[in-house]
C-alpha atoms as a PDB file:
ATOM      1  CA  UNK A   1      93.055  93.324 118.895  1.00  0.00           C
ATOM      2  CA  UNK A   2      94.469  91.708 121.931  1.00  0.00           C
ATOM      3  CA  UNK A   3      95.946  94.956 123.166  1.00  0.00           C
ATOM      4  CA  UNK A   4      94.987  98.846 123.329  1.00  0.00           C
ATOM      5  CA  UNK A   5      97.634 100.864 121.322  1.00  0.00           C
ATOM      6  CA  UNK A   6      99.523 101.901 124.227  1.00  0.00           C
ATOM      7  CA  UNK A   7     100.561  98.743 125.432  1.00  0.00           C
ATOM      8  CA  UNK A   8     101.348  97.284 121.856  1.00  0.00           C
ATOM      9  CA  UNK A   9     103.797 100.546 121.771  1.00  0.00           C
ATOM     10  CA  UNK A  10     105.443  99.552 125.086  1.00  0.00           C
ATOM     11  CA  UNK A  11     105.497  95.958 124.609  1.00  0.00           C
ATOM     12  CA  UNK A  12     106.973  92.727 123.032  1.00  0.00           C
ATOM     13  CA  UNK A  13     105.652  89.741 121.138  1.00  0.00           C
ATOM     14  CA  UNK A  14     103.169  89.104 118.630  1.00  0.00           C
ATOM     15  CA  UNK A  15      99.853  91.167 118.573  1.00  0.00           C
ATOM     16  CA  UNK A  16      96.884  91.722 116.122  1.00  0.00           C
ATOM     17  CA  UNK A  17      95.003  94.515 114.944  1.00  0.00           C
ATOM     18  CA  UNK A  18      91.963  94.211 112.303  1.00  0.00           C
ATOM     19  CA  UNK A  19      91.595  96.059 109.026  1.00  0.00           C
ATOM     20  CA  UNK A  20      88.724  97.976 108.038  1.00  0.00           C
ATOM     21  CA  UNK A  21      88.092  94.785 105.602  1.00  0.00           C
ATOM     22  CA  UNK A  22      88.458  92.611 108.944  1.00  0.00           C
ATOM     23  CA  UNK A  23      91.571  90.729 108.165  1.00  0.00           C
ATOM     24  CA  UNK A  24      93.760  90.237 111.159  1.00  0.00           C
ATOM     25  CA  UNK A  25      97.092  91.381 110.894  1.00  0.00           C
ATOM     26  CA  UNK A  26      99.592  90.157 113.452  1.00  0.00           C
ATOM     27  CA  UNK A  27     102.885  92.489 114.099  1.00  0.00           C
ATOM     28  CA  UNK A  28     105.336  93.243 116.935  1.00  0.00           C
ATOM     29  CA  UNK A  29     107.529  95.412 118.276  1.00  0.00           C
ATOM     30  CA  UNK A  30     110.787  95.322 119.424  1.00  0.00           C
ATOM     31  CA  UNK A  31     113.215  98.204 121.194  1.00  0.00           C
ATOM     32  CA  UNK A  32     112.877 100.788 123.555  1.00  0.00           C
ATOM     33  CA  UNK A  33     109.681 103.158 123.120  1.00  0.00           C
ATOM     34  CA  UNK A  34     111.662 106.755 123.023  1.00  0.00           C
ATOM     35  CA  UNK A  35     113.394 105.292 119.897  1.00  0.00           C
ATOM     36  CA  UNK A  36     112.306 106.440 116.140  1.00  0.00           C
ATOM     37  CA  UNK A  37     110.250 103.816 114.863  1.00  0.00           C
ATOM     38  CA  UNK A  38     111.777 101.767 111.936  1.00  0.00           C
ATOM     39  CA  UNK A  39     109.276  99.448 110.191  1.00  0.00           C
ATOM     40  CA  UNK A  40     110.110  96.209 108.571  1.00  0.00           C
ATOM     41  CA  UNK A  41     108.467  94.554 105.345  1.00  0.00           C
ATOM     42  CA  UNK A  42     109.394  91.089 104.462  1.00  0.00           C
ATOM     43  CA  UNK A  43     110.094  89.310 101.040  1.00  0.00           C
ATOM     44  CA  UNK A  44     106.766  87.352  99.731  1.00  0.00           C
ATOM     45  CA  UNK A  45     106.514  83.923 101.428  1.00  0.00           C
ATOM     46  CA  UNK A  46     108.160  84.815 104.450  1.00  0.00           C
ATOM     47  CA  UNK A  47     107.300  85.995 108.103  1.00  0.00           C
ATOM     48  CA  UNK A  48     108.304  88.890 110.272  1.00  0.00           C
ATOM     49  CA  UNK A  49     110.852  86.476 111.165  1.00  0.00           C
ATOM     50  CA  UNK A  50     112.847  87.158 108.245  1.00  0.00           C
ATOM     51  CA  UNK A  51     114.329  89.910 110.002  1.00  0.00           C
ATOM     52  CA  UNK A  52     115.165  87.854 113.244  1.00  0.00           C
ATOM     53  CA  UNK A  53     118.736  88.159 112.824  1.00  0.00           C
ATOM     54  CA  UNK A  54     118.731  91.851 112.205  1.00  0.00           C
ATOM     55  CA  UNK A  55     116.620  92.967 115.109  1.00  0.00           C
ATOM     56  CA  UNK A  56     119.762  92.831 117.586  1.00  0.00           C
ATOM     57  CA  UNK A  57     121.405  95.508 115.661  1.00  0.00           C
ATOM     58  CA  UNK A  58     118.386  97.716 114.928  1.00  0.00           C
ATOM     59  CA  UNK A  59     116.778  97.772 118.203  1.00  0.00           C
ATOM     60  CA  UNK A  60     119.211  99.636 119.847  1.00  0.00           C
ATOM     61  CA  UNK A  61     118.807 102.512 117.376  1.00  0.00           C
ATOM     62  CA  UNK A  62     115.162 101.970 116.426  1.00  0.00           C
ATOM     63  CA  UNK A  63     111.676 100.832 117.749  1.00  0.00           C
ATOM     64  CA  UNK A  64     111.372  98.293 115.498  1.00  0.00           C
ATOM     65  CA  UNK A  65     108.120  97.133 114.043  1.00  0.00           C
ATOM     66  CA  UNK A  66     107.383  94.141 112.118  1.00  0.00           C
ATOM     67  CA  UNK A  67     104.436  92.701 110.773  1.00  0.00           C
ATOM     68  CA  UNK A  68     103.116  89.635 108.361  1.00  0.00           C
ATOM     69  CA  UNK A  69     101.471  90.427 105.540  1.00  0.00           C
ATOM     70  CA  UNK A  70      97.570  89.423 104.982  1.00  0.00           C
ATOM     71  CA  UNK A  71      98.007  85.671 103.600  1.00  0.00           C
ATOM     72  CA  UNK A  72     101.760  85.253 105.690  1.00  0.00           C
ATOM     73  CA  UNK A  73     102.844  84.181 108.973  1.00  0.00           C
ATOM     74  CA  UNK A  74     100.402  84.650 111.807  1.00  0.00           C
ATOM     75  CA  UNK A  75      97.739  86.549 109.901  1.00  0.00           C
ATOM     76  CA  UNK A  76      94.469  86.016 108.072  1.00  0.00           C
ATOM     77  CA  UNK A  77      94.841  84.674 104.468  1.00  0.00           C
ATOM     78  CA  UNK A  78      91.732  85.965 102.833  1.00  0.00           C
ATOM     79  CA  UNK A  79      91.306  84.651  99.283  1.00  0.00           C
ATOM     80  CA  UNK A  80      91.244  86.303  95.858  1.00  0.00           C
ATOM     81  CA  UNK A  81      93.715  88.863  94.275  1.00  0.00           C
ATOM     82  CA  UNK A  82      95.277  91.540  96.784  1.00  0.00           C
ATOM     83  CA  UNK A  83      96.261  94.591  95.151  1.00  0.00           C
ATOM     84  CA  UNK A  84      99.451  97.259  96.480  1.00  0.00           C
ATOM     85  CA  UNK A  85      96.603  99.602  97.474  1.00  0.00           C
ATOM     86  CA  UNK A  86      95.033  97.074 100.039  1.00  0.00           C
ATOM     87  CA  UNK A  87      99.025  95.891 101.311  1.00  0.00           C
ATOM     88  CA  UNK A  88      99.890  99.718 101.644  1.00  0.00           C
ATOM     89  CA  UNK A  89      96.662 100.615 103.360  1.00  0.00           C
ATOM     90  CA  UNK A  90      96.897  97.611 105.980  1.00  0.00           C
ATOM     91  CA  UNK A  91     100.166  99.726 106.570  1.00  0.00           C
ATOM     92  CA  UNK A  92      98.568 102.924 107.257  1.00  0.00           C
ATOM     93  CA  UNK A  93      95.898 101.541 109.257  1.00  0.00           C
ATOM     94  CA  UNK A  94      98.426  99.300 111.522  1.00  0.00           C
ATOM     95  CA  UNK A  95     100.331 102.497 112.377  1.00  0.00           C
ATOM     96  CA  UNK A  96      96.772 104.311 112.771  1.00  0.00           C
ATOM     97  CA  UNK A  97      95.927 101.555 115.400  1.00  0.00           C
ATOM     98  CA  UNK A  98      99.543 102.138 116.953  1.00  0.00           C
ATOM     99  CA  UNK A  99      98.919 105.887 116.967  1.00  0.00           C
ATOM    100  CA  UNK A 100     101.980 106.223 115.292  1.00  0.00           C
ATOM    101  CA  UNK A 101     102.123 109.722 112.968  1.00  0.00           C
ATOM    102  CA  UNK A 102     105.345 108.569 110.903  1.00  0.00           C
ATOM    103  CA  UNK A 103     107.970 105.953 110.357  1.00  0.00           C
ATOM    104  CA  UNK A 104     111.171 105.038 108.361  1.00  0.00           C
ATOM    105  CA  UNK A 105     110.419 102.458 106.276  1.00  0.00           C
ATOM    106  CA  UNK A 106     112.364  99.698 105.114  1.00  0.00           C
ATOM    107  CA  UNK A 107     110.964  96.918 102.492  1.00  0.00           C
ATOM    108  CA  UNK A 108     112.570  94.126 100.673  1.00  0.00           C
ATOM    109  CA  UNK A 109     111.422  92.453  97.640  1.00  0.00           C
ATOM    110  CA  UNK A 110     107.585  92.505  97.871  1.00  0.00           C
ATOM    111  CA  UNK A 111     107.967  95.167 100.842  1.00  0.00           C
ATOM    112  CA  UNK A 112     110.096  97.261  98.750  1.00  0.00           C
ATOM    113  CA  UNK A 113     106.696  97.495  96.250  1.00  0.00           C
ATOM    114  CA  UNK A 114     104.581  98.145  99.407  1.00  0.00           C
ATOM    115  CA  UNK A 115     106.958 101.102 100.304  1.00  0.00           C
ATOM    116  CA  UNK A 116     107.144 102.400  97.102  1.00  0.00           C
ATOM    117  CA  UNK A 117     103.213 102.935  97.224  1.00  0.00           C
ATOM    118  CA  UNK A 118     103.434 104.309 100.547  1.00  0.00           C
ATOM    119  CA  UNK A 119     106.078 106.815  99.060  1.00  0.00           C
ATOM    120  CA  UNK A 120     103.441 107.677  96.482  1.00  0.00           C
ATOM    121  CA  UNK A 121     100.330 107.667  98.351  1.00  0.00           C
ATOM    122  CA  UNK A 122     101.127 108.486 101.975  1.00  0.00           C
ATOM    123  CA  UNK A 123     104.412 110.550 102.124  1.00  0.00           C
ATOM    124  CA  UNK A 124     103.483 112.001 105.076  1.00  0.00           C
ATOM    125  CA  UNK A 125     103.733 108.574 107.230  1.00  0.00           C
ATOM    126  CA  UNK A 126     107.025 108.427 105.903  1.00  0.00           C
ATOM    127  CA  UNK A 127     110.085 109.927 107.285  1.00  0.00           C
ATOM    128  CA  UNK A 128     113.363 107.818 104.905  1.00  0.00           C
ATOM    129  CA  UNK A 129     112.691 105.271 102.722  1.00  0.00           C
ATOM    130  CA  UNK A 130     114.572 102.230 102.043  1.00  0.00           C
ATOM    131  CA  UNK A 131     113.887 100.123  98.958  1.00  0.00           C
ATOM    132  CA  UNK A 132     115.736  96.715  98.983  1.00  0.00           C
ATOM    133  CA  UNK A 133     115.820  94.366  96.432  1.00  0.00           C
ATOM    134  CA  UNK A 134     112.447  95.362  94.641  1.00  0.00           C
ATOM    135  CA  UNK A 135     111.260  96.719  91.231  1.00  0.00           C
ATOM    136  CA  UNK A 136     108.514  98.851  89.874  1.00  0.00           C
ATOM    137  CA  UNK A 137     107.242  96.319  87.447  1.00  0.00           C
ATOM    138  CA  UNK A 138     107.938  92.532  87.045  1.00  0.00           C
ATOM    139  CA  UNK A 139     105.444  91.611  84.143  1.00  0.00           C
ATOM    140  CA  UNK A 140     104.265  90.486  81.614  1.00  0.00           C
ATOM    141  CA  UNK A 141     101.066  89.607  83.614  1.00  0.00           C
ATOM    142  CA  UNK A 142     100.675  86.227  81.669  1.00  0.00           C
ATOM    143  CA  UNK A 143     103.980  84.801  83.576  1.00  0.00           C
ATOM    144  CA  UNK A 144     102.211  85.600  87.007  1.00  0.00           C
ATOM    145  CA  UNK A 145      98.432  84.147  86.165  1.00  0.00           C
ATOM    146  CA  UNK A 146     100.444  80.949  85.440  1.00  0.00           C
ATOM    147  CA  UNK A 147     102.147  80.880  88.331  1.00  0.00           C
ATOM    148  CA  UNK A 148      99.238  81.776  90.375  1.00  0.00           C
ATOM    149  CA  UNK A 149      97.072  78.765  89.374  1.00  0.00           C
ATOM    150  CA  UNK A 150     100.107  76.538  89.876  1.00  0.00           C
ATOM    151  CA  UNK A 151     100.571  77.507  93.890  1.00  0.00           C
ATOM    152  CA  UNK A 152      96.957  76.851  94.391  1.00  0.00           C
ATOM    153  CA  UNK A 153      97.782  73.385  94.002  1.00  0.00           C
ATOM    154  CA  UNK A 154      98.585  72.380  97.235  1.00  0.00           C
ATOM    155  CA  UNK A 155     101.056  69.226  95.574  1.00  0.00           C
ATOM    156  CA  UNK A 156     103.020  71.813  93.754  1.00  0.00           C
ATOM    157  CA  UNK A 157     104.022  73.835  96.844  1.00  0.00           C
ATOM    158  CA  UNK A 158     107.494  71.876  97.850  1.00  0.00           C
ATOM    159  CA  UNK A 159     109.012  73.322  94.042  1.00  0.00           C
ATOM    160  CA  UNK A 160     107.793  76.573  94.332  1.00  0.00           C
ATOM    161  CA  UNK A 161     109.583  76.718  97.742  1.00  0.00           C
ATOM    162  CA  UNK A 162     112.702  75.129  96.179  1.00  0.00           C
ATOM    163  CA  UNK A 163     112.566  77.489  93.384  1.00  0.00           C
ATOM    164  CA  UNK A 164     111.906  80.300  96.009  1.00  0.00           C
ATOM    165  CA  UNK A 165     115.177  79.381  97.883  1.00  0.00           C
ATOM    166  CA  UNK A 166     117.477  79.043  94.327  1.00  0.00           C
ATOM    167  CA  UNK A 167     116.093  82.040  93.570  1.00  0.00           C
ATOM    168  CA  UNK A 168     117.118  83.861  97.102  1.00  0.00           C
ATOM    169  CA  UNK A 169     120.321  82.538  98.014  1.00  0.00           C
ATOM    170  CA  UNK A 170     123.721  81.755  96.338  1.00  0.00           C
ATOM    171  CA  UNK A 171     124.749  77.936  95.288  1.00  0.00           C
ATOM    172  CA  UNK A 172     127.146  77.594  98.234  1.00  0.00           C
ATOM    173  CA  UNK A 173     124.314  78.512 100.849  1.00  0.00           C
ATOM    174  CA  UNK A 174     122.015  75.839  99.354  1.00  0.00           C
ATOM    175  CA  UNK A 175     123.973  72.641 101.362  1.00  0.00           C
ATOM    176  CA  UNK A 176     121.215  70.777 102.828  1.00  0.00           C
ATOM    177  CA  UNK A 177     122.424  71.051 106.583  1.00  0.00           C
ATOM    178  CA  UNK A 178     122.550  75.144 106.314  1.00  0.00           C
ATOM    179  CA  UNK A 179     120.094  76.164 109.289  1.00  0.00           C
ATOM    180  CA  UNK A 180     119.265  79.308 107.691  1.00  0.00           C
ATOM    181  CA  UNK A 181     118.140  78.117 104.481  1.00  0.00           C
ATOM    182  CA  UNK A 182     116.306  75.512 106.036  1.00  0.00           C
ATOM    183  CA  UNK A 183     114.210  77.865 108.097  1.00  0.00           C
ATOM    184  CA  UNK A 184     113.149  80.073 105.164  1.00  0.00           C
ATOM    185  CA  UNK A 185     112.407  77.317 103.106  1.00  0.00           C
ATOM    186  CA  UNK A 186     110.036  76.196 105.968  1.00  0.00           C
ATOM    187  CA  UNK A 187     108.505  79.382 106.169  1.00  0.00           C
ATOM    188  CA  UNK A 188     107.474  79.504 102.783  1.00  0.00           C
ATOM    189  CA  UNK A 189     106.308  75.718 102.950  1.00  0.00           C
ATOM    190  CA  UNK A 190     104.109  76.959 106.215  1.00  0.00           C
ATOM    191  CA  UNK A 191     102.510  80.059 103.948  1.00  0.00           C
ATOM    192  CA  UNK A 192      98.922  79.855 102.853  1.00  0.00           C
ATOM    193  CA  UNK A 193      99.235  78.839  99.363  1.00  0.00           C
ATOM    194  CA  UNK A 194      96.205  81.807  98.938  1.00  0.00           C
ATOM    195  CA  UNK A 195      98.675  84.174 100.520  1.00  0.00           C
ATOM    196  CA  UNK A 196     101.267  83.393  97.666  1.00  0.00           C
ATOM    197  CA  UNK A 197      98.525  83.694  95.057  1.00  0.00           C
ATOM    198  CA  UNK A 198      97.017  87.278  96.226  1.00  0.00           C
ATOM    199  CA  UNK A 199     100.433  88.656  96.508  1.00  0.00           C
ATOM    200  CA  UNK A 200     101.340  87.335  93.190  1.00  0.00           C
ATOM    201  CA  UNK A 201      98.225  88.953  91.715  1.00  0.00           C
ATOM    202  CA  UNK A 202      99.137  92.128  93.396  1.00  0.00           C
ATOM    203  CA  UNK A 203     102.817  91.939  91.474  1.00  0.00           C
ATOM    204  CA  UNK A 204     100.646  90.995  88.297  1.00  0.00           C
ATOM    205  CA  UNK A 205      98.976  94.120  88.136  1.00  0.00           C
ATOM    206  CA  UNK A 206     101.570  96.324  89.431  1.00  0.00           C
ATOM    207  CA  UNK A 207     103.465  99.100  86.985  1.00  0.00           C
ATOM    208  CA  UNK A 208     105.291 102.403  89.056  1.00  0.00           C
ATOM    209  CA  UNK A 209     107.448 102.889  86.642  1.00  0.00           C
ATOM    210  CA  UNK A 210     106.578 106.172  86.031  1.00  0.00           C
ATOM    211  CA  UNK A 211     104.840 106.802  89.469  1.00  0.00           C
ATOM    212  CA  UNK A 212     107.938 106.142  91.720  1.00  0.00           C
ATOM    213  CA  UNK A 213     109.085 109.930  90.541  1.00  0.00           C
ATOM    214  CA  UNK A 214     106.353 111.092  92.758  1.00  0.00           C
ATOM    215  CA  UNK A 215     108.486 109.890  96.174  1.00  0.00           C
ATOM    216  CA  UNK A 216     110.165 113.023  97.640  1.00  0.00           C
ATOM    217  CA  UNK A 217     111.156 111.279 100.785  1.00  0.00           C
ATOM    218  CA  UNK A 218     114.755 110.761 101.140  1.00  0.00           C
ATOM    219  CA  UNK A 219     115.285 107.072  99.523  1.00  0.00           C
ATOM    220  CA  UNK A 220     118.052 104.599  99.674  1.00  0.00           C
ATOM    221  CA  UNK A 221     117.864 101.719  97.272  1.00  0.00           C
ATOM    222  CA  UNK A 222     119.554  98.184  97.383  1.00  0.00           C
ATOM    223  CA  UNK A 223     120.127  95.996  94.936  1.00  0.00           C
ATOM    224  CA  UNK A 224     121.995  92.788  94.851  1.00  0.00           C
ATOM    225  CA  UNK A 225     124.352  92.338  92.012  1.00  0.00           C
ATOM    226  CA  UNK A 226     123.609  88.885  91.344  1.00  0.00           C
ATOM    227  CA  UNK A 227     119.894  89.074  92.005  1.00  0.00           C
ATOM    228  CA  UNK A 228     117.727  87.077  89.173  1.00  0.00           C
ATOM    229  CA  UNK A 229     114.675  87.901  90.980  1.00  0.00           C
ATOM    230  CA  UNK A 230     114.800  91.864  91.059  1.00  0.00           C
ATOM    231  CA  UNK A 231     117.862  92.693  88.799  1.00  0.00           C
ATOM    232  CA  UNK A 232     120.180  95.135  89.560  1.00  0.00           C
ATOM    233  CA  UNK A 233     118.716  97.124  86.571  1.00  0.00           C
ATOM    234  CA  UNK A 234     115.288  97.381  87.944  1.00  0.00           C
ATOM    235  CA  UNK A 235     116.999  98.963  91.153  1.00  0.00           C
ATOM    236  CA  UNK A 236     119.037 101.209  88.898  1.00  0.00           C
ATOM    237  CA  UNK A 237     115.797 102.352  87.139  1.00  0.00           C
ATOM    238  CA  UNK A 238     113.825 103.314  90.540  1.00  0.00           C
ATOM    239  CA  UNK A 239     117.175 105.369  91.621  1.00  0.00           C
ATOM    240  CA  UNK A 240     117.195 107.083  88.616  1.00  0.00           C
ATOM    241  CA  UNK A 241     113.307 107.651  88.785  1.00  0.00           C
ATOM    242  CA  UNK A 242     113.330 108.999  92.277  1.00  0.00           C
ATOM    243  CA  UNK A 243     114.521 112.415  93.015  1.00  0.00           C
ATOM    244  CA  UNK A 244     117.950 112.029  95.113  1.00  0.00           C
ATOM    245  CA  UNK A 245     117.848 108.273  95.481  1.00  0.00           C
ATOM    246  CA  UNK A 246     121.040 106.819  96.568  1.00  0.00           C
ATOM    247  CA  UNK A 247     121.698 103.342  95.168  1.00  0.00           C
ATOM    248  CA  UNK A 248     123.992 100.469  96.909  1.00  0.00           C
ATOM    249  CA  UNK A 249     124.899  97.607  95.169  1.00  0.00           C
ATOM    250  CA  UNK A 250     126.064  94.661  97.321  1.00  0.00           C
ATOM    251  CA  UNK A 251     127.203  91.366  96.073  1.00  0.00           C
ATOM    252  CA  UNK A 252     124.440  89.237  97.194  1.00  0.00           C
ATOM    253  CA  UNK A 253     121.686  87.371  95.264  1.00  0.00           C
ATOM    254  CA  UNK A 254     118.218  88.638  96.715  1.00  0.00           C
ATOM    255  CA  UNK A 255     118.273  88.463 100.693  1.00  0.00           C
ATOM    256  CA  UNK A 256     121.403  90.546 101.275  1.00  0.00           C
ATOM    257  CA  UNK A 257     120.330  91.275 105.002  1.00  0.00           C
ATOM    258  CA  UNK A 258     120.981  87.352 105.377  1.00  0.00           C
ATOM    259  CA  UNK A 259     123.757  86.669 102.732  1.00  0.00           C
ATOM    260  CA  UNK A 260     125.898  89.984 103.668  1.00  0.00           C
ATOM    261  CA  UNK A 261     124.280  91.281 106.893  1.00  0.00           C
ATOM    262  CA  UNK A 262     127.135  93.664 107.927  1.00  0.00           C
ATOM    263  CA  UNK A 263     126.978  95.410 104.654  1.00  0.00           C
ATOM    264  CA  UNK A 264     123.421  95.600 104.673  1.00  0.00           C
ATOM    265  CA  UNK A 265     123.235  97.020 107.659  1.00  0.00           C
ATOM    266  CA  UNK A 266     125.941  99.435 107.586  1.00  0.00           C
ATOM    267  CA  UNK A 267     124.106 100.791 104.226  1.00  0.00           C
ATOM    268  CA  UNK A 268     120.753 101.145 106.258  1.00  0.00           C
ATOM    269  CA  UNK A 269     122.242 102.397 109.489  1.00  0.00           C
ATOM    270  CA  UNK A 270     124.073 105.030 107.823  1.00  0.00           C
ATOM    271  CA  UNK A 271     121.104 106.069 105.982  1.00  0.00           C
ATOM    272  CA  UNK A 272     118.748 106.174 108.539  1.00  0.00           C
ATOM    273  CA  UNK A 273     121.234 108.012 111.121  1.00  0.00           C
ATOM    274  CA  UNK A 274     121.071 111.826 109.946  1.00  0.00           C
ATOM    275  CA  UNK A 275     124.189 112.323 111.693  1.00  0.00           C
ATOM    276  CA  UNK A 276     125.859 109.840 109.671  1.00  0.00           C
ATOM    277  CA  UNK A 277     124.055 109.507 106.281  1.00  0.00           C
ATOM    278  CA  UNK A 278     125.845 108.389 103.084  1.00  0.00           C
ATOM    279  CA  UNK A 279     125.899 110.842 100.354  1.00  0.00           C
ATOM    280  CA  UNK A 280     124.026 110.565  97.348  1.00  0.00           C
ATOM    281  CA  UNK A 281     125.197 108.565  94.655  1.00  0.00           C
ATOM    282  CA  UNK A 282     126.124 104.990  93.236  1.00  0.00           C
ATOM    283  CA  UNK A 283     128.394 102.753  95.971  1.00  0.00           C
ATOM    284  CA  UNK A 284     129.329  99.078  95.134  1.00  0.00           C
ATOM    285  CA  UNK A 285     130.191  97.364  97.915  1.00  0.00           C
END
């Protein structure tokens, strides 16, 4: 580990810790040390930089903790299938290394599944939970097995990157000169195939449709009205299953934090700040 826990809490920049199965995980912290901790978990095939544009708005309110999943960004890329039990324990071990007892947790897409796991199996480590553009089940397994085999062939990665981009952004953002979209495509292309394949294996084996009913943390579910990856119906099912969850539907595709940043941040900040929390219910913005 490159810093002690106390040094990591007070500083900025990328740091590392090593999990109990000897995988080095990259993380960084932004914001004042006396603020509540908000942990961010991103989409598959992206890095912690997925949140760069939101940090300026979030860091005045929170100490923002971001990290790269195993197989992504500056973290190590073990080969073989991953699991959400392992991805969830990566979070717990990082919090333990940083001496952080409890966080607000905001997970988008793959990060939202990690958030569900934490709410089910480690609720004492979570204060408020935001599950964005995610699902409790994305079967059937056969579909994912084909994708896993395809991504492990390096020549397929450009086509897979194009598919990610088309699924993440609306047509009007897909112009070649769009710098934001270009940066996301570069993130996909820089992700090791083993990392994507391992994460897809975790999705292949996932089914939390019934166990999310065990989540008792205050929960906000954010959906995209035009999301074709995690359909609005997937978010509706989570919101209907998690007791007292709030559902917000934004007029976006899969990455509303980018496509509709102001509306996304408004929903998140209103929920996470107790004095301004939104009412339970369903809201379409």
